[in-house]
Amino acid sequence: MRKRYAVIISLVLALAMMGSGYAQFSNVEDAIRYRKSVMFMIAHNFKSIGAEVQKKAGVDQARVASDAQTVAFLATLPWEAMTTPGSDQGDTTMSSAVLTKTAQFKREVSGFEDATQKMAIAAETGEIDKVKGAFGAVAGTCKSCHGGFRKR
């Protein structure tokens, strides 16, 4: 378990340093790879929370709290890579609407970031019903953004 967290933390730190080090990505492929990596990690940790909150008993509250904190942190990372011109082309599911409906996209991003922060706070309480509600809110923001800003 500790090894898993060490790997995730290392990846997160590497991604964070990479993201903060670039004002812009050197090329479109780097932007796409970066955001796909972050989204993969978000999905991985979010699914882990989902599996825990669906349990009837024996919820690993420490794991839920850790995963929720990771999701909240990761939620702040991929957006610059999504606004890189041309990154809606190639090996991506991102719709060009991200680049043309920027204000609406930023509202979706803001809602997602807020929801992940609330989920992390709920997870710290250890009250699984609060986490379930917050988890549902995050899932709703995912669905909303994917509906308008993901290729079908």
N, C-alpha and C. Protein backbone atom coordinates (compact mmCIF):
# COMPACT_ATOMS: atom_id res chain seq x y z
N MET A 1 0.83 -1.19 0.00
CA MET A 1 0.00 0.00 0.00
C MET A 1 0.88 1.26 0.00
N ARG A 2 1.92 1.27 0.84
CA ARG A 2 2.79 2.44 0.89
C ARG A 2 3.52 2.65 -0.42
N LYS A 3 3.89 1.56 -1.06
CA LYS A 3 4.59 1.66 -2.34
C LYS A 3 3.68 2.32 -3.37
N ARG A 4 2.40 1.95 -3.35
CA ARG A 4 1.43 2.53 -4.28
C ARG A 4 1.35 4.04 -4.09
N TYR A 5 1.27 4.47 -2.83
CA TYR A 5 1.18 5.90 -2.56
C TYR A 5 2.48 6.62 -2.91
N ALA A 6 3.60 5.97 -2.69
CA ALA A 6 4.88 6.58 -3.04
C ALA A 6 4.97 6.80 -4.55
N VAL A 7 4.52 5.83 -5.32
CA VAL A 7 4.53 5.96 -6.78
C VAL A 7 3.59 7.07 -7.22
N ILE A 8 2.39 7.09 -6.67
CA ILE A 8 1.42 8.12 -7.04
C ILE A 8 1.94 9.51 -6.67
N ILE A 9 2.48 9.65 -5.49
CA ILE A 9 3.00 10.94 -5.06
C ILE A 9 4.15 11.37 -5.96
N SER A 10 5.01 10.45 -6.32
CA SER A 10 6.13 10.77 -7.22
C SER A 10 5.61 11.25 -8.58
N LEU A 11 4.62 10.54 -9.10
CA LEU A 11 4.05 10.94 -10.39
C LEU A 11 3.38 12.31 -10.30
N VAL A 12 2.65 12.52 -9.24
CA VAL A 12 1.96 13.80 -9.05
C VAL A 12 2.97 14.93 -8.97
N LEU A 13 4.02 14.74 -8.20
CA LEU A 13 5.04 15.78 -8.08
C LEU A 13 5.74 16.04 -9.40
N ALA A 14 6.03 14.98 -10.14
CA ALA A 14 6.65 15.15 -11.45
C ALA A 14 5.74 15.93 -12.39
N LEU A 15 4.45 15.57 -12.39
CA LEU A 15 3.50 16.28 -13.23
C LEU A 15 3.35 17.73 -12.81
N ALA A 16 3.32 17.96 -11.51
CA ALA A 16 3.17 19.33 -11.00
C ALA A 16 4.37 20.19 -11.39
N MET A 17 5.57 19.62 -11.24
CA MET A 17 6.75 20.38 -11.61
C MET A 17 6.78 20.63 -13.12
N MET A 18 6.40 19.63 -13.88
CA MET A 18 6.38 19.79 -15.32
C MET A 18 5.36 20.86 -15.71
N GLY A 19 4.19 20.82 -15.10
CA GLY A 19 3.14 21.77 -15.43
C GLY A 19 3.48 23.19 -15.01
N SER A 20 4.10 23.35 -13.85
CA SER A 20 4.42 24.69 -13.39
C SER A 20 5.64 25.25 -14.10
N GLY A 21 6.44 24.38 -14.69
CA GLY A 21 7.64 24.83 -15.36
C GLY A 21 7.40 25.37 -16.76
N TYR A 22 6.27 25.09 -17.32
CA TYR A 22 5.97 25.54 -18.69
C TYR A 22 4.92 26.63 -18.68
N ALA A 23 5.23 27.72 -19.35
CA ALA A 23 4.19 28.72 -19.54
C ALA A 23 3.27 28.22 -20.64
N GLN A 24 3.86 27.51 -21.58
CA GLN A 24 3.14 26.87 -22.67
C GLN A 24 3.83 25.54 -22.90
N PHE A 25 3.16 24.62 -23.50
CA PHE A 25 3.77 23.34 -23.82
C PHE A 25 4.58 23.49 -25.09
N SER A 26 5.69 22.77 -25.16
CA SER A 26 6.59 22.91 -26.30
C SER A 26 5.95 22.44 -27.60
N ASN A 27 5.02 21.49 -27.49
CA ASN A 27 4.29 21.07 -28.68
C ASN A 27 2.94 20.47 -28.27
N VAL A 28 2.09 20.33 -29.22
CA VAL A 28 0.72 19.86 -28.99
C VAL A 28 0.71 18.45 -28.39
N GLU A 29 1.58 17.58 -28.88
CA GLU A 29 1.62 16.21 -28.38
C GLU A 29 1.95 16.16 -26.89
N ASP A 30 2.86 17.04 -26.43
CA ASP A 30 3.19 17.09 -25.00
C ASP A 30 1.98 17.51 -24.18
N ALA A 31 1.25 18.49 -24.68
CA ALA A 31 0.05 18.96 -23.97
C ALA A 31 -0.98 17.83 -23.86
N ILE A 32 -1.18 17.11 -24.94
CA ILE A 32 -2.15 16.00 -24.94
C ILE A 32 -1.70 14.90 -23.99
N ARG A 33 -0.42 14.51 -24.06
CA ARG A 33 0.09 13.46 -23.16
C ARG A 33 -0.02 13.88 -21.71
N TYR A 34 0.31 15.11 -21.41
CA TYR A 34 0.24 15.62 -20.05
C TYR A 34 -1.18 15.53 -19.50
N ARG A 35 -2.14 16.09 -20.24
CA ARG A 35 -3.51 16.10 -19.71
C ARG A 35 -4.11 14.71 -19.65
N LYS A 36 -3.77 13.83 -20.61
CA LYS A 36 -4.26 12.46 -20.55
C LYS A 36 -3.69 11.74 -19.33
N SER A 37 -2.44 12.00 -19.01
CA SER A 37 -1.84 11.39 -17.82
C SER A 37 -2.53 11.86 -16.55
N VAL A 38 -2.76 13.15 -16.46
CA VAL A 38 -3.45 13.67 -15.27
C VAL A 38 -4.86 13.12 -15.17
N MET A 39 -5.58 13.10 -16.28
CA MET A 39 -6.95 12.59 -16.26
C MET A 39 -6.98 11.10 -15.91
N PHE A 40 -5.99 10.35 -16.37
CA PHE A 40 -5.92 8.93 -16.00
C PHE A 40 -5.76 8.79 -14.49
N MET A 41 -4.89 9.61 -13.91
CA MET A 41 -4.68 9.53 -12.46
C MET A 41 -5.91 9.98 -11.68
N ILE A 42 -6.59 11.01 -12.18
CA ILE A 42 -7.84 11.43 -11.54
C ILE A 42 -8.84 10.28 -11.56
N ALA A 43 -9.02 9.69 -12.73
CA ALA A 43 -9.98 8.59 -12.87
C ALA A 43 -9.61 7.41 -11.98
N HIS A 44 -8.35 7.08 -11.91
CA HIS A 44 -7.90 5.95 -11.08
C HIS A 44 -8.26 6.17 -9.61
N ASN A 45 -7.94 7.34 -9.09
CA ASN A 45 -8.21 7.63 -7.68
C ASN A 45 -9.70 7.81 -7.42
N PHE A 46 -10.40 8.40 -8.37
CA PHE A 46 -11.85 8.60 -8.22
C PHE A 46 -12.58 7.26 -8.20
N LYS A 47 -12.17 6.33 -9.07
CA LYS A 47 -12.78 5.00 -9.08
C LYS A 47 -12.50 4.26 -7.78
N SER A 48 -11.34 4.47 -7.22
CA SER A 48 -11.00 3.86 -5.94
C SER A 48 -11.95 4.35 -4.84
N ILE A 49 -12.22 5.64 -4.84
CA ILE A 49 -13.17 6.20 -3.88
C ILE A 49 -14.55 5.59 -4.10
N GLY A 50 -14.96 5.50 -5.36
CA GLY A 50 -16.26 4.93 -5.69
C GLY A 50 -16.40 3.50 -5.20
N ALA A 51 -15.36 2.72 -5.34
CA ALA A 51 -15.40 1.33 -4.87
C ALA A 51 -15.55 1.29 -3.35
N GLU A 52 -14.89 2.19 -2.67
CA GLU A 52 -14.98 2.22 -1.20
C GLU A 52 -16.36 2.67 -0.72
N VAL A 53 -16.91 3.72 -1.33
CA VAL A 53 -18.19 4.24 -0.84
C VAL A 53 -19.36 3.30 -1.17
N GLN A 54 -19.16 2.38 -2.09
CA GLN A 54 -20.22 1.41 -2.41
C GLN A 54 -20.26 0.24 -1.43
N LYS A 55 -19.22 0.11 -0.62
CA LYS A 55 -19.19 -1.00 0.34
C LYS A 55 -20.26 -0.79 1.41
N LYS A 56 -20.81 -1.89 1.87
CA LYS A 56 -21.80 -1.82 2.97
C LYS A 56 -21.08 -1.66 4.31
N ALA A 57 -19.91 -2.26 4.45
CA ALA A 57 -19.14 -2.19 5.69
C ALA A 57 -17.66 -2.32 5.35
N GLY A 58 -16.82 -1.96 6.29
CA GLY A 58 -15.38 -2.11 6.11
C GLY A 58 -14.75 -1.10 5.18
N VAL A 59 -15.30 0.09 5.14
CA VAL A 59 -14.75 1.14 4.29
C VAL A 59 -13.39 1.57 4.85
N ASP A 60 -12.40 1.63 3.99
CA ASP A 60 -11.07 2.09 4.37
C ASP A 60 -11.06 3.61 4.31
N GLN A 61 -11.39 4.24 5.43
CA GLN A 61 -11.54 5.69 5.45
C GLN A 61 -10.23 6.43 5.17
N ALA A 62 -9.12 5.84 5.61
CA ALA A 62 -7.83 6.48 5.33
C ALA A 62 -7.55 6.50 3.83
N ARG A 63 -7.89 5.42 3.16
CA ARG A 63 -7.69 5.34 1.71
C ARG A 63 -8.59 6.35 1.00
N VAL A 64 -9.85 6.41 1.43
CA VAL A 64 -10.79 7.36 0.83
C VAL A 64 -10.26 8.78 0.99
N ALA A 65 -9.80 9.12 2.18
CA ALA A 65 -9.28 10.47 2.43
C ALA A 65 -8.05 10.76 1.58
N SER A 66 -7.16 9.79 1.48
CA SER A 66 -5.96 9.97 0.68
C SER A 66 -6.30 10.13 -0.80
N ASP A 67 -7.16 9.27 -1.29
CA ASP A 67 -7.56 9.35 -2.70
C ASP A 67 -8.28 10.67 -2.99
N ALA A 68 -9.11 11.11 -2.07
CA ALA A 68 -9.85 12.37 -2.26
C ALA A 68 -8.90 13.56 -2.29
N GLN A 69 -7.90 13.55 -1.42
CA GLN A 69 -6.90 14.62 -1.45
C GLN A 69 -6.12 14.61 -2.77
N THR A 70 -5.80 13.42 -3.25
CA THR A 70 -5.08 13.30 -4.51
C THR A 70 -5.92 13.83 -5.66
N VAL A 71 -7.20 13.47 -5.70
CA VAL A 71 -8.10 13.95 -6.76
C VAL A 71 -8.21 15.47 -6.69
N ALA A 72 -8.35 16.02 -5.49
CA ALA A 72 -8.47 17.48 -5.35
C ALA A 72 -7.22 18.19 -5.87
N PHE A 73 -6.06 17.62 -5.58
CA PHE A 73 -4.83 18.22 -6.09
C PHE A 73 -4.73 18.09 -7.61
N LEU A 74 -4.96 16.89 -8.11
CA LEU A 74 -4.86 16.66 -9.55
C LEU A 74 -5.86 17.51 -10.33
N ALA A 75 -6.98 17.82 -9.72
CA ALA A 75 -8.03 18.59 -10.39
C ALA A 75 -7.54 19.97 -10.83
N THR A 76 -6.46 20.43 -10.27
CA THR A 76 -5.95 21.77 -10.61
C THR A 76 -4.94 21.75 -11.75
N LEU A 77 -4.55 20.57 -12.23
CA LEU A 77 -3.42 20.48 -13.14
C LEU A 77 -3.67 20.50 -14.65
N PRO A 78 -4.69 19.87 -15.18
CA PRO A 78 -4.68 19.65 -16.64
C PRO A 78 -5.16 20.80 -17.50
N TRP A 79 -5.65 21.88 -16.94
CA TRP A 79 -6.39 22.87 -17.72
C TRP A 79 -5.55 23.66 -18.70
N GLU A 80 -4.33 24.04 -18.32
CA GLU A 80 -3.48 24.77 -19.27
C GLU A 80 -3.21 23.91 -20.51
N ALA A 81 -3.04 22.63 -20.29
CA ALA A 81 -2.78 21.72 -21.42
C ALA A 81 -4.00 21.61 -22.32
N MET A 82 -5.17 21.91 -21.79
CA MET A 82 -6.38 21.84 -22.61
C MET A 82 -6.58 23.09 -23.43
N THR A 83 -5.97 24.17 -23.04
CA THR A 83 -6.15 25.42 -23.78
C THR A 83 -5.00 25.68 -24.74
N THR A 84 -4.12 24.71 -24.91
CA THR A 84 -3.03 24.83 -25.88
C THR A 84 -3.63 24.75 -27.29
N PRO A 85 -3.43 25.77 -28.11
CA PRO A 85 -3.98 25.75 -29.46
C PRO A 85 -3.54 24.50 -30.23
N GLY A 86 -4.50 23.88 -30.89
CA GLY A 86 -4.23 22.69 -31.68
C GLY A 86 -4.33 21.39 -30.90
N SER A 87 -4.49 21.48 -29.58
CA SER A 87 -4.51 20.25 -28.77
C SER A 87 -5.86 19.54 -28.82
N ASP A 88 -6.76 20.06 -29.64
CA ASP A 88 -8.03 19.37 -29.87
C ASP A 88 -7.93 18.42 -31.07
N GLN A 89 -6.76 18.37 -31.67
CA GLN A 89 -6.51 17.51 -32.82
C GLN A 89 -5.58 16.38 -32.40
N GLY A 90 -5.60 15.30 -33.14
CA GLY A 90 -4.69 14.19 -32.86
C GLY A 90 -5.30 13.17 -31.92
N ASP A 91 -4.47 12.53 -31.12
CA ASP A 91 -4.87 11.45 -30.23
C ASP A 91 -5.51 12.01 -28.96
N THR A 92 -6.73 12.50 -29.10
CA THR A 92 -7.42 13.12 -27.97
C THR A 92 -8.93 12.98 -28.12
N THR A 93 -9.60 12.99 -27.00
CA THR A 93 -11.06 13.00 -27.00
C THR A 93 -11.58 14.40 -26.68
N MET A 94 -10.68 15.37 -26.52
CA MET A 94 -11.09 16.73 -26.22
C MET A 94 -11.72 17.38 -27.44
N SER A 95 -12.87 17.97 -27.24
CA SER A 95 -13.58 18.67 -28.31
C SER A 95 -12.97 20.05 -28.54
N SER A 96 -13.10 20.55 -29.72
CA SER A 96 -12.62 21.90 -30.02
C SER A 96 -13.44 22.96 -29.28
N ALA A 97 -14.57 22.56 -28.71
CA ALA A 97 -15.38 23.50 -27.93
C ALA A 97 -14.60 24.08 -26.76
N VAL A 98 -13.61 23.35 -26.24
CA VAL A 98 -12.78 23.87 -25.15
C VAL A 98 -12.10 25.16 -25.59
N LEU A 99 -11.69 25.21 -26.83
CA LEU A 99 -10.97 26.37 -27.34
C LEU A 99 -11.89 27.47 -27.84
N THR A 100 -13.14 27.14 -28.14
CA THR A 100 -14.06 28.15 -28.68
C THR A 100 -15.07 28.65 -27.64
N LYS A 101 -15.33 27.86 -26.62
CA LYS A 101 -16.27 28.25 -25.57
C LYS A 101 -15.52 28.32 -24.24
N THR A 102 -14.50 29.15 -24.22
CA THR A 102 -13.58 29.19 -23.09
C THR A 102 -14.25 29.58 -21.78
N ALA A 103 -15.13 30.56 -21.80
CA ALA A 103 -15.78 31.00 -20.56
C ALA A 103 -16.63 29.87 -19.96
N GLN A 104 -17.37 29.19 -20.81
CA GLN A 104 -18.19 28.08 -20.33
C GLN A 104 -17.30 26.96 -19.81
N PHE A 105 -16.20 26.67 -20.50
CA PHE A 105 -15.28 25.63 -20.06
C PHE A 105 -14.68 25.99 -18.70
N LYS A 106 -14.30 27.24 -18.52
CA LYS A 106 -13.72 27.67 -17.24
C LYS A 106 -14.73 27.53 -16.11
N ARG A 107 -16.01 27.76 -16.38
CA ARG A 107 -17.04 27.55 -15.35
C ARG A 107 -17.12 26.07 -14.97
N GLU A 108 -17.05 25.21 -15.98
CA GLU A 108 -17.07 23.76 -15.72
C GLU A 108 -15.86 23.35 -14.88
N VAL A 109 -14.70 23.86 -15.24
CA VAL A 109 -13.46 23.56 -14.51
C VAL A 109 -13.57 24.02 -13.07
N SER A 110 -14.06 25.22 -12.89
CA SER A 110 -14.22 25.77 -11.54
C SER A 110 -15.17 24.91 -10.70
N GLY A 111 -16.26 24.48 -11.30
CA GLY A 111 -17.21 23.62 -10.60
C GLY A 111 -16.59 22.29 -10.21
N PHE A 112 -15.78 21.73 -11.11
CA PHE A 112 -15.09 20.47 -10.83
C PHE A 112 -14.09 20.64 -9.69
N GLU A 113 -13.28 21.69 -9.76
CA GLU A 113 -12.29 21.92 -8.71
C GLU A 113 -12.97 22.13 -7.35
N ASP A 114 -14.05 22.92 -7.32
CA ASP A 114 -14.78 23.14 -6.07
C ASP A 114 -15.35 21.84 -5.53
N ALA A 115 -15.94 21.04 -6.40
CA ALA A 115 -16.54 19.77 -5.97
C ALA A 115 -15.48 18.81 -5.42
N THR A 116 -14.30 18.78 -6.05
CA THR A 116 -13.26 17.88 -5.55
C THR A 116 -12.74 18.34 -4.20
N GLN A 117 -12.66 19.64 -4.00
CA GLN A 117 -12.23 20.17 -2.68
C GLN A 117 -13.25 19.80 -1.60
N LYS A 118 -14.53 19.92 -1.93
CA LYS A 118 -15.58 19.56 -0.97
C LYS A 118 -15.55 18.07 -0.66
N MET A 119 -15.25 17.26 -1.67
CA MET A 119 -15.15 15.81 -1.45
C MET A 119 -13.97 15.50 -0.53
N ALA A 120 -12.86 16.17 -0.73
CA ALA A 120 -11.69 15.96 0.13
C ALA A 120 -12.00 16.35 1.57
N ILE A 121 -12.71 17.44 1.75
CA ILE A 121 -13.10 17.87 3.10
C ILE A 121 -14.05 16.86 3.73
N ALA A 122 -15.02 16.40 2.95
CA ALA A 122 -15.96 15.39 3.45
C ALA A 122 -15.23 14.10 3.83
N ALA A 123 -14.24 13.72 3.03
CA ALA A 123 -13.49 12.49 3.31
C ALA A 123 -12.71 12.59 4.61
N GLU A 124 -12.25 13.77 4.94
CA GLU A 124 -11.51 13.97 6.19
C GLU A 124 -12.39 13.76 7.42
N THR A 125 -13.69 13.95 7.27
CA THR A 125 -14.60 13.76 8.41
C THR A 125 -14.76 12.29 8.76
N GLY A 126 -14.54 11.42 7.78
CA GLY A 126 -14.74 9.99 8.00
C GLY A 126 -16.20 9.57 7.93
N GLU A 127 -17.09 10.50 7.63
CA GLU A 127 -18.51 10.20 7.53
C GLU A 127 -18.84 9.80 6.09
N ILE A 128 -19.03 8.52 5.91
CA ILE A 128 -19.16 7.97 4.55
C ILE A 128 -20.36 8.52 3.81
N ASP A 129 -21.45 8.85 4.50
CA ASP A 129 -22.61 9.43 3.82
C ASP A 129 -22.28 10.81 3.22
N LYS A 130 -21.46 11.58 3.93
CA LYS A 130 -21.03 12.88 3.39
C LYS A 130 -20.15 12.67 2.16
N VAL A 131 -19.29 11.66 2.24
CA VAL A 131 -18.40 11.37 1.11
C VAL A 131 -19.23 10.93 -0.10
N LYS A 132 -20.23 10.09 0.14
CA LYS A 132 -21.09 9.64 -0.97
C LYS A 132 -21.75 10.81 -1.67
N GLY A 133 -22.27 11.74 -0.90
CA GLY A 133 -22.91 12.92 -1.49
C GLY A 133 -21.93 13.76 -2.29
N ALA A 134 -20.75 13.97 -1.72
CA ALA A 134 -19.73 14.76 -2.41
C ALA A 134 -19.21 14.02 -3.65
N PHE A 135 -19.10 12.70 -3.55
CA PHE A 135 -18.67 11.87 -4.68
C PHE A 135 -19.67 12.04 -5.83
N GLY A 136 -20.94 12.00 -5.51
CA GLY A 136 -21.98 12.19 -6.54
C GLY A 136 -21.90 13.55 -7.19
N ALA A 137 -21.60 14.58 -6.39
CA ALA A 137 -21.46 15.93 -6.94
C ALA A 137 -20.28 16.01 -7.91
N VAL A 138 -19.16 15.39 -7.55
CA VAL A 138 -18.00 15.38 -8.45
C VAL A 138 -18.36 14.64 -9.74
N ALA A 139 -18.99 13.49 -9.61
CA ALA A 139 -19.38 12.72 -10.79
C ALA A 139 -20.28 13.56 -11.70
N GLY A 140 -21.16 14.36 -11.10
CA GLY A 140 -22.02 15.23 -11.90
C GLY A 140 -21.24 16.27 -12.68
N THR A 141 -20.18 16.81 -12.07
CA THR A 141 -19.36 17.79 -12.80
C THR A 141 -18.59 17.13 -13.93
N CYS A 142 -18.16 15.89 -13.70
CA CYS A 142 -17.47 15.15 -14.77
C CYS A 142 -18.41 14.97 -15.96
N LYS A 143 -19.61 14.50 -15.66
CA LYS A 143 -20.59 14.23 -16.71
C LYS A 143 -20.94 15.51 -17.48
N SER A 144 -21.12 16.59 -16.76
CA SER A 144 -21.47 17.86 -17.38
C SER A 144 -20.37 18.34 -18.33
N CYS A 145 -19.15 18.29 -17.87
CA CYS A 145 -18.04 18.76 -18.70
C CYS A 145 -17.81 17.83 -19.89
N HIS A 146 -17.86 16.54 -19.66
CA HIS A 146 -17.67 15.60 -20.76
C HIS A 146 -18.78 15.74 -21.80
N GLY A 147 -19.97 16.07 -21.35
CA GLY A 147 -21.09 16.25 -22.28
C GLY A 147 -20.87 17.37 -23.26
N GLY A 148 -20.23 18.44 -22.83
CA GLY A 148 -20.05 19.59 -23.69
C GLY A 148 -18.67 19.75 -24.30
N PHE A 149 -17.69 19.06 -23.72
CA PHE A 149 -16.31 19.32 -24.13
C PHE A 149 -15.51 18.07 -24.47
N ARG A 150 -16.20 17.00 -24.76
CA ARG A 150 -15.53 15.77 -25.15
C ARG A 150 -16.11 15.27 -26.46
N LYS A 151 -15.25 14.82 -27.35
CA LYS A 151 -15.72 14.27 -28.63
C LYS A 151 -16.55 13.03 -28.36
N ARG A 152 -17.57 12.86 -29.13
CA ARG A 152 -18.46 11.71 -28.94
C ARG A 152 -18.09 10.58 -29.85
